[in-house]
Amino acid sequence: MANISVERIHNLGLEQARVKAREVVGKLESQYGLSPEWSGDKVTLKRSGVEAQLEVDERRVKVDVKLGMLMSAMSGMIQSEIERSLDKALA
């Protein structure tokens, strides 16, 4: 099992950060088959071998990912993709 944690600070304000987070979640859902479940400003994304949580607030976005054994081999690539996606969305 591998764990990934990525956090980014932003100056977008809560409403705009929510919009950006929903865009990122939509892309993850369509590209990787992750099923999102929203609860306020947190979303849990799941599929076989992957469980992730994205949390957004007025100053930061935090993503925590737990990878199963088979997906652990790809943890570096997955972390890089998360970082790139957040940087692009929050720019």
Protein backbone atom coordinates (compact mmCIF):
# COMPACT_ATOMS: atom_id res chain seq x y z
CA MET A 1 0.00 0.00 0.00
CA ALA A 2 1.16 3.52 -0.76
CA ASN A 3 -0.11 6.85 0.52
CA ILE A 4 0.14 10.14 -1.34
CA SER A 5 -0.57 13.55 0.18
CA VAL A 6 -0.51 16.77 -1.83
CA GLU A 7 -1.47 20.21 -0.55
CA ARG A 8 -1.60 23.49 -2.42
CA ILE A 9 -2.21 27.00 -1.10
CA HIS A 10 -4.36 29.30 -3.25
CA ASN A 11 -5.71 32.84 -3.31
CA LEU A 12 -8.93 32.09 -5.19
CA GLY A 13 -11.35 32.31 -2.28
CA LEU A 14 -13.66 29.50 -1.27
CA GLU A 15 -16.26 29.78 -4.05
CA GLN A 16 -13.76 29.83 -6.91
CA ALA A 17 -11.72 27.06 -5.28
CA ARG A 18 -14.90 24.95 -5.12
CA VAL A 19 -15.46 25.49 -8.85
CA LYS A 20 -11.90 24.47 -9.65
CA ALA A 21 -12.10 21.43 -7.36
CA ARG A 22 -15.31 20.27 -9.08
CA GLU A 23 -13.58 20.60 -12.47
CA VAL A 24 -10.64 18.48 -11.29
CA VAL A 25 -12.99 15.86 -9.81
CA GLY A 26 -14.98 15.73 -13.05
CA LYS A 27 -11.82 15.04 -15.02
CA LEU A 28 -10.74 12.32 -12.59
CA GLU A 29 -14.15 10.72 -12.82
CA SER A 30 -14.17 10.63 -16.62
CA GLN A 31 -10.50 9.77 -17.19
CA TYR A 32 -9.93 7.22 -14.45
CA GLY A 33 -13.37 5.85 -13.59
CA LEU A 34 -13.28 7.19 -10.04
CA SER A 35 -16.68 7.49 -8.39
CA PRO A 36 -17.05 10.76 -6.42
CA GLU A 37 -19.13 11.22 -3.28
CA TRP A 38 -19.37 14.83 -2.06
CA SER A 39 -19.93 15.85 1.56
CA GLY A 40 -19.73 19.61 1.89
CA ASP A 41 -16.29 20.73 0.71
CA LYS A 42 -14.85 17.20 0.79
CA VAL A 43 -15.11 14.55 -1.87
CA THR A 44 -14.17 10.90 -1.65
CA LEU A 45 -13.18 9.21 -4.90
CA LYS A 46 -13.06 5.43 -5.18
CA ARG A 47 -12.37 2.63 -7.57
CA SER A 48 -10.72 -0.73 -7.25
CA GLY A 49 -7.25 -0.24 -5.74
CA VAL A 50 -7.65 3.52 -5.18
CA GLU A 51 -9.32 5.66 -2.55
CA ALA A 52 -8.77 9.42 -2.51
CA GLN A 53 -10.11 12.38 -0.61
CA LEU A 54 -9.99 15.97 -1.81
CA GLU A 55 -10.74 18.79 0.62
CA VAL A 56 -11.05 22.44 -0.34
CA ASP A 57 -11.19 25.53 1.86
CA GLU A 58 -10.64 29.26 1.44
CA ARG A 59 -6.82 28.97 1.49
CA ARG A 60 -5.86 25.44 0.42
CA VAL A 61 -6.69 22.28 -1.43
CA LYS A 62 -5.53 18.98 0.02
CA VAL A 63 -5.55 15.59 -1.66
CA ASP A 64 -4.88 12.32 0.16
CA VAL A 65 -4.69 9.06 -1.81
CA LYS A 66 -4.42 5.46 -0.64
CA LEU A 67 -3.26 3.04 -3.29
CA GLY A 68 -3.69 -0.71 -3.16
CA MET A 69 -0.80 -3.07 -3.72
CA LEU A 70 -1.07 -3.22 -7.50
CA MET A 71 -1.41 0.55 -7.90
CA SER A 72 1.46 1.28 -5.49
CA ALA A 73 3.98 0.68 -8.27
CA MET A 74 2.57 3.74 -10.04
CA SER A 75 2.57 6.04 -6.99
CA GLY A 76 5.27 8.40 -8.34
CA MET A 77 3.44 8.91 -11.61
CA ILE A 78 0.11 9.35 -9.83
CA GLN A 79 1.56 11.92 -7.42
CA SER A 80 3.10 13.88 -10.31
CA GLU A 81 -0.24 13.91 -12.14
CA ILE A 82 -2.08 15.13 -9.04
CA GLU A 83 0.47 17.91 -8.51
CA ARG A 84 0.32 18.98 -12.15
CA SER A 85 -3.49 18.97 -12.21
CA LEU A 86 -3.77 21.03 -9.02
CA ASP A 87 -1.13 23.52 -10.15
CA LYS A 88 -2.93 24.01 -13.45
CA ALA A 89 -6.40 24.29 -11.89
CA LEU A 90 -5.31 26.74 -9.19
CA ALA A 91 -3.13 28.95 -11.40
